[in-house]
Amino acid sequence: MSLYQHVGVAVAFSPRLEALLAEAALHGMRFGNRLSLIHAGAQTSEKERRLQEALRGAGLPEDTPLHWAPQGAPDEALLRVVEQQQMDFLLLGALEKERALRYYLGSVAHNLVREAPCSLLLLTDPSTTPEPFRRVVVVTDYSEGAVVALAKALRFATEEEAEVVHVVRVLSEYGEAMLLSEGVRRERAQAYQARSKAEEEALLADFVAAAGRHEVPIEAHLIEGRTGLVVARFVRDRQADLLVMPSANRFSHFFERLFPSDMEWVLREIPCNLWVARERLR
């Protein structure tokens, strides 16, 4: 069974078109059996010609459906097609500019992460010779959405023949500060934090165990600090090439905790390819 039902690929007629379609041919078909393209712009004969060439080069069928969306802002046009065609997964290029090995989320991709009703895969550096994702990081908050995200990430990692899946739980550095602000003495606050950490370690172990046995090794990590910062650092330290974030809906509490207003830099400088697992839970 596929991870998703209908994969949409947002294409622009830029120098990265061929690379994005090559990535879609490798990864996209592992997410879902049905794949369509979306272009936020007007249909022209020159665009159709170039698209046919790019599809052939990527090994995708030349009759792959393409939905033209000429009206409205690009993000709004893309989202309109996503909803009309009932797409539940959207693949797109995330990069707007690059400097010193850091990737900056373009404004269209940024808005899609915030507003899309479906899961998304944002590729920071698509290649015409794509490689499988070898090191995957899954962030969890133990929610139902996180359970589904981990299960799908493990299935996908198996298809990609990944080396490892890291499951990460972040303990916020604000916990002790909040206790101290409420008048709790530092010694008691630290003792509480120690108990809380032990409980979190047990919860994380149970969460990973519930995923069952898989061909891909799973490693659990409990890390402390400001969520967006420590996750980005963890991803870079482990040289991960895919970060999976659960987000039950377009404005989930977890997503807002991970990317509050004072951490917008994480969305602007995403550490690697980003899979926002926004599941439609029943």
Protein backbone atom coordinates (compact mmCIF):
# COMPACT_ATOMS: atom_id res chain seq x y z
CA MET A 1 0.00 0.00 0.00
CA SER A 2 1.29 3.46 -0.91
CA LEU A 3 2.05 6.04 1.75
CA TYR A 4 -0.21 8.55 0.00
CA GLN A 5 -2.87 8.42 -2.71
CA HIS A 6 -2.07 11.33 -5.02
CA VAL A 7 1.34 13.03 -5.22
CA GLY A 8 1.54 16.51 -6.69
CA VAL A 9 4.82 17.96 -7.94
CA ALA A 10 4.98 21.76 -8.08
CA VAL A 11 7.07 22.63 -11.14
CA ALA A 12 8.52 25.93 -12.31
CA PHE A 13 10.25 26.38 -15.64
CA SER A 14 13.56 27.23 -14.03
CA PRO A 15 17.04 25.67 -14.38
CA ARG A 16 16.02 23.20 -11.66
CA LEU A 17 13.06 21.71 -13.54
CA GLU A 18 14.97 18.65 -14.79
CA ALA A 19 16.48 18.02 -11.34
CA LEU A 20 13.11 18.28 -9.59
CA LEU A 21 11.52 15.80 -12.01
CA ALA A 22 14.44 13.40 -11.55
CA GLU A 23 13.89 13.55 -7.79
CA ALA A 24 10.16 13.00 -8.32
CA ALA A 25 10.90 9.94 -10.43
CA LEU A 26 13.04 8.44 -7.66
CA HIS A 27 11.30 9.54 -4.47
CA GLY A 28 7.85 10.65 -5.58
CA MET A 29 6.73 7.26 -6.80
CA ARG A 30 7.69 5.78 -3.42
CA PHE A 31 5.24 8.12 -1.74
CA GLY A 32 2.31 7.35 -4.03
CA ASN A 33 1.41 5.48 -7.23
CA ARG A 34 -0.43 8.43 -8.76
CA LEU A 35 1.67 11.45 -9.70
CA SER A 36 0.61 14.75 -11.25
CA LEU A 37 2.36 18.03 -11.96
CA ILE A 38 1.21 21.52 -11.05
CA HIS A 39 2.44 24.78 -12.56
CA ALA A 40 1.41 28.13 -11.13
CA GLY A 41 1.38 29.94 -14.46
CA ALA A 42 -0.13 30.15 -17.90
CA GLN A 43 0.05 27.35 -20.45
CA THR A 44 2.26 27.99 -23.50
CA SER A 45 3.59 25.82 -26.32
CA GLU A 46 7.19 26.51 -25.26
CA LYS A 47 6.48 25.33 -21.69
CA GLU A 48 4.77 22.19 -23.01
CA ARG A 49 7.78 21.44 -25.25
CA ARG A 50 10.28 21.87 -22.44
CA LEU A 51 8.16 19.82 -20.06
CA GLN A 52 8.00 16.89 -22.48
CA GLU A 53 11.78 16.96 -22.81
CA ALA A 54 12.21 17.11 -19.03
CA LEU A 55 9.78 14.23 -18.47
CA ARG A 56 11.66 12.06 -20.97
CA GLY A 57 14.96 12.93 -19.35
CA ALA A 58 13.64 12.00 -15.91
CA GLY A 59 12.12 8.74 -17.09
CA LEU A 60 8.57 9.84 -16.26
CA PRO A 61 5.64 9.13 -18.60
CA GLU A 62 5.14 11.91 -21.14
CA ASP A 63 1.41 11.79 -20.46
CA THR A 64 1.90 12.61 -16.76
CA PRO A 65 -1.02 14.95 -15.94
CA LEU A 66 -0.13 18.63 -15.68
CA HIS A 67 -2.51 21.09 -14.05
CA TRP A 68 -2.05 24.71 -15.07
CA ALA A 69 -2.94 27.34 -12.47
CA PRO A 70 -2.52 30.78 -14.09
CA GLN A 71 -4.61 32.84 -11.70
CA GLY A 72 -3.64 34.25 -8.32
CA ALA A 73 -0.45 34.24 -6.29
CA PRO A 74 1.70 31.12 -6.90
CA ASP A 75 1.10 29.60 -3.46
CA GLU A 76 -2.64 30.22 -3.65
CA ALA A 77 -2.80 28.80 -7.18
CA LEU A 78 -0.92 25.66 -6.14
CA LEU A 79 -3.12 25.13 -3.09
CA ARG A 80 -6.26 25.53 -5.19
CA VAL A 81 -5.16 22.68 -7.47
CA VAL A 82 -4.10 20.54 -4.49
CA GLU A 83 -7.59 20.78 -3.03
CA GLN A 84 -9.43 20.44 -6.35
CA GLN A 85 -7.47 17.32 -7.32
CA GLN A 86 -7.54 15.90 -3.79
CA MET A 87 -3.78 15.59 -3.57
CA ASP A 88 -2.52 14.40 -0.20
CA PHE A 89 1.22 14.89 -0.81
CA LEU A 90 3.06 17.78 -2.44
CA LEU A 91 6.69 17.69 -3.59
CA LEU A 92 8.52 20.90 -4.41
CA GLY A 93 11.87 22.64 -4.45
CA ALA A 94 12.50 24.66 -1.30
CA LEU A 95 15.58 26.61 -2.25
CA GLU A 96 15.40 30.28 -3.12
CA LYS A 97 19.02 31.19 -2.49
CA GLU A 98 22.09 29.47 -1.14
CA ARG A 99 25.11 30.64 0.85
CA ALA A 100 27.75 28.85 2.92
CA LEU A 101 25.94 25.48 2.68
CA ARG A 102 22.78 26.91 4.23
CA TYR A 103 19.44 26.66 2.52
CA TYR A 104 16.83 29.39 2.55
CA LEU A 105 13.16 28.59 2.14
CA GLY A 106 11.59 30.60 -0.65
CA SER A 107 8.49 32.64 0.09
CA VAL A 108 6.18 30.33 -1.90
CA ALA A 109 7.49 27.21 -0.17
CA HIS A 110 7.31 29.00 3.19
CA ASN A 111 3.63 29.79 2.67
CA LEU A 112 2.88 26.26 1.49
CA VAL A 113 4.43 24.80 4.65
CA ARG A 114 2.12 27.03 6.67
CA GLU A 115 -1.06 26.64 4.66
CA ALA A 116 -1.11 23.34 2.75
CA PRO A 117 -3.79 20.86 3.89
CA CYS A 118 -1.56 17.93 2.93
CA SER A 119 1.89 16.52 3.63
CA LEU A 120 4.86 18.09 1.83
CA LEU A 121 8.40 17.18 0.83
CA LEU A 122 10.66 20.17 0.32
CA LEU A 123 13.91 19.45 -1.50
CA THR A 124 16.77 21.79 -0.68
CA ASP A 125 19.09 20.81 -3.52
CA PRO A 126 17.42 18.64 -6.17
CA SER A 127 19.79 16.81 -8.52
CA THR A 128 19.52 15.34 -12.00
CA THR A 129 21.27 12.27 -10.51
CA PRO A 130 19.36 11.91 -7.22
CA GLU A 131 20.47 9.66 -4.40
CA PRO A 132 18.31 7.79 -1.86
CA PHE A 133 17.91 9.34 1.58
CA ARG A 134 20.36 7.51 3.84
CA ARG A 135 20.05 9.21 7.23
CA VAL A 136 16.57 10.20 8.39
CA VAL A 137 15.59 12.23 11.47
CA VAL A 138 12.02 12.04 12.80
CA VAL A 139 10.95 14.56 15.45
CA THR A 140 8.21 13.40 17.82
CA ASP A 141 5.80 14.86 20.35
CA TYR A 142 4.10 11.46 20.98
CA SER A 143 0.89 12.64 19.31
CA GLU A 144 -1.24 10.44 17.08
CA GLY A 145 0.13 12.34 14.11
CA ALA A 146 3.68 11.59 15.27
CA VAL A 147 2.86 7.87 15.47
CA VAL A 148 1.62 7.89 11.87
CA ALA A 149 4.58 10.00 10.74
CA LEU A 150 7.08 7.57 12.25
CA ALA A 151 5.33 4.55 10.73
CA LYS A 152 5.37 6.16 7.27
CA ALA A 153 8.94 7.38 7.68
CA LEU A 154 10.08 3.84 8.52
CA ARG A 155 8.30 2.38 5.51
CA PHE A 156 9.81 5.04 3.28
CA ALA A 157 13.27 4.57 4.81
CA THR A 158 13.03 0.85 4.07
CA GLU A 159 12.22 1.58 0.41
CA GLU A 160 15.15 4.00 0.27
CA GLU A 161 17.43 1.43 1.94
CA ALA A 162 18.38 4.04 4.52
CA GLU A 163 21.23 3.48 6.95
CA VAL A 164 19.45 4.72 10.06
CA VAL A 165 16.35 6.49 11.35
CA HIS A 166 16.94 8.81 14.31
CA VAL A 167 13.86 9.46 16.45
CA VAL A 168 14.27 12.73 18.36
CA ARG A 169 12.35 14.14 21.30
CA VAL A 170 13.23 17.65 22.47
CA LEU A 171 13.04 18.77 26.09
CA SER A 172 12.57 22.52 26.04
CA GLU A 173 15.11 24.62 27.91
CA TYR A 174 12.22 26.74 29.11
CA GLY A 175 10.97 24.10 31.55
CA GLU A 176 13.33 25.01 34.38
CA ALA A 177 12.95 28.72 33.68
CA MET A 178 9.17 28.40 34.02
CA LEU A 179 9.54 26.56 37.32
CA LEU A 180 11.90 29.22 38.65
CA SER A 181 9.56 31.98 37.52
CA GLU A 182 6.84 30.33 39.60
CA GLY A 183 8.95 30.59 42.73
CA VAL A 184 10.36 27.06 42.86
CA ARG A 185 13.91 26.94 44.24
CA ARG A 186 16.64 25.93 41.80
CA GLU A 187 17.47 22.69 43.64
CA ARG A 188 13.86 21.54 43.52
CA ALA A 189 13.52 22.67 39.91
CA GLN A 190 16.58 20.64 38.89
CA ALA A 191 15.31 17.58 40.78
CA TYR A 192 11.97 17.91 38.97
CA GLN A 193 13.79 18.22 35.66
CA ALA A 194 15.75 15.03 36.40
CA ARG A 195 12.53 13.11 37.12
CA SER A 196 10.95 14.58 34.01
CA LYS A 197 13.93 13.51 31.89
CA ALA A 198 13.75 9.95 33.20
CA GLU A 199 10.04 9.84 32.40
CA GLU A 200 10.68 11.23 28.92
CA GLU A 201 13.33 8.58 28.28
CA ALA A 202 10.82 5.89 29.20
CA LEU A 203 8.13 7.45 26.99
CA LEU A 204 10.54 7.71 24.07
CA ALA A 205 11.60 4.09 24.47
CA ASP A 206 7.93 3.00 24.48
CA PHE A 207 7.19 5.19 21.44
CA VAL A 208 10.00 3.63 19.42
CA ALA A 209 9.14 0.11 20.60
CA ALA A 210 5.54 0.59 19.47
CA ALA A 211 6.78 1.07 15.91
CA GLY A 212 7.81 -2.59 15.86
CA ARG A 213 10.79 -4.19 14.21
CA HIS A 214 12.05 -2.85 10.88
CA GLU A 215 14.91 -3.52 8.53
CA VAL A 216 16.27 -0.02 9.08
CA PRO A 217 18.03 0.53 12.46
CA ILE A 218 16.26 2.99 14.78
CA GLU A 219 18.10 5.18 17.28
CA ALA A 220 16.26 7.21 19.92
CA HIS A 221 17.58 10.54 21.19
CA LEU A 222 16.41 12.84 23.96
CA ILE A 223 17.92 16.28 23.47
CA GLU A 224 17.52 19.52 25.37
CA GLY A 225 17.39 23.14 24.30
CA ARG A 226 15.43 25.48 22.10
CA THR A 227 13.57 23.15 19.78
CA GLY A 228 14.26 24.64 16.38
CA LEU A 229 17.90 25.33 17.16
CA VAL A 230 18.80 21.93 18.63
CA VAL A 231 16.94 19.98 15.93
CA ALA A 232 18.77 21.88 13.19
CA ARG A 233 22.08 21.29 14.98
CA PHE A 234 21.30 17.59 15.44
CA VAL A 235 20.48 17.21 11.75
CA ARG A 236 23.73 18.84 10.71
CA ASP A 237 25.84 16.93 13.24
CA ARG A 238 24.42 13.61 12.00
CA GLN A 239 24.69 14.68 8.37
CA ALA A 240 21.04 13.74 7.92
CA ASP A 241 19.51 14.22 4.50
CA LEU A 242 15.84 14.07 5.50
CA LEU A 243 14.04 15.68 8.44
CA VAL A 244 10.50 14.45 9.16
CA MET A 245 8.17 16.63 11.21
CA PRO A 246 4.66 15.58 12.24
CA SER A 247 1.97 18.20 11.83
CA ALA A 248 -1.61 17.00 12.22
CA ASN A 249 -3.05 20.09 10.52
CA ARG A 250 -1.91 23.33 8.97
CA PHE A 251 -1.82 25.09 12.35
CA SER A 252 -0.95 22.26 14.73
CA HIS A 253 0.28 23.08 18.24
CA PHE A 254 3.43 21.03 17.68
CA PHE A 255 4.33 22.90 14.52
CA GLU A 256 3.80 26.24 16.20
CA ARG A 257 5.99 25.13 19.13
CA LEU A 258 8.68 24.04 16.73
CA PHE A 259 8.52 27.19 14.65
CA PRO A 260 7.25 30.05 16.82
CA SER A 261 7.81 33.61 15.66
CA ASP A 262 11.23 33.88 17.30
CA MET A 263 12.49 30.85 15.35
CA GLU A 264 11.42 31.79 11.85
CA TRP A 265 15.06 31.39 10.84
CA VAL A 266 14.56 27.62 10.85
CA LEU A 267 12.05 27.91 8.05
CA ARG A 268 14.35 30.33 6.23
CA GLU A 269 17.44 28.16 6.75
CA ILE A 270 16.14 24.60 6.78
CA PRO A 271 18.96 22.17 7.61
CA CYS A 272 18.14 19.53 4.98
CA ASN A 273 15.29 18.11 2.91
CA LEU A 274 12.10 18.53 4.92
CA TRP A 275 9.07 16.20 5.04
CA VAL A 276 6.14 17.81 6.81
CA ALA A 277 3.92 14.84 7.65
CA ARG A 278 0.53 16.47 7.89
CA GLU A 279 -1.74 13.49 8.24
CA ARG A 280 -5.51 13.51 7.95
CA LEU A 281 -6.35 11.56 11.06
CA ARG A 282 -9.70 9.87 11.31
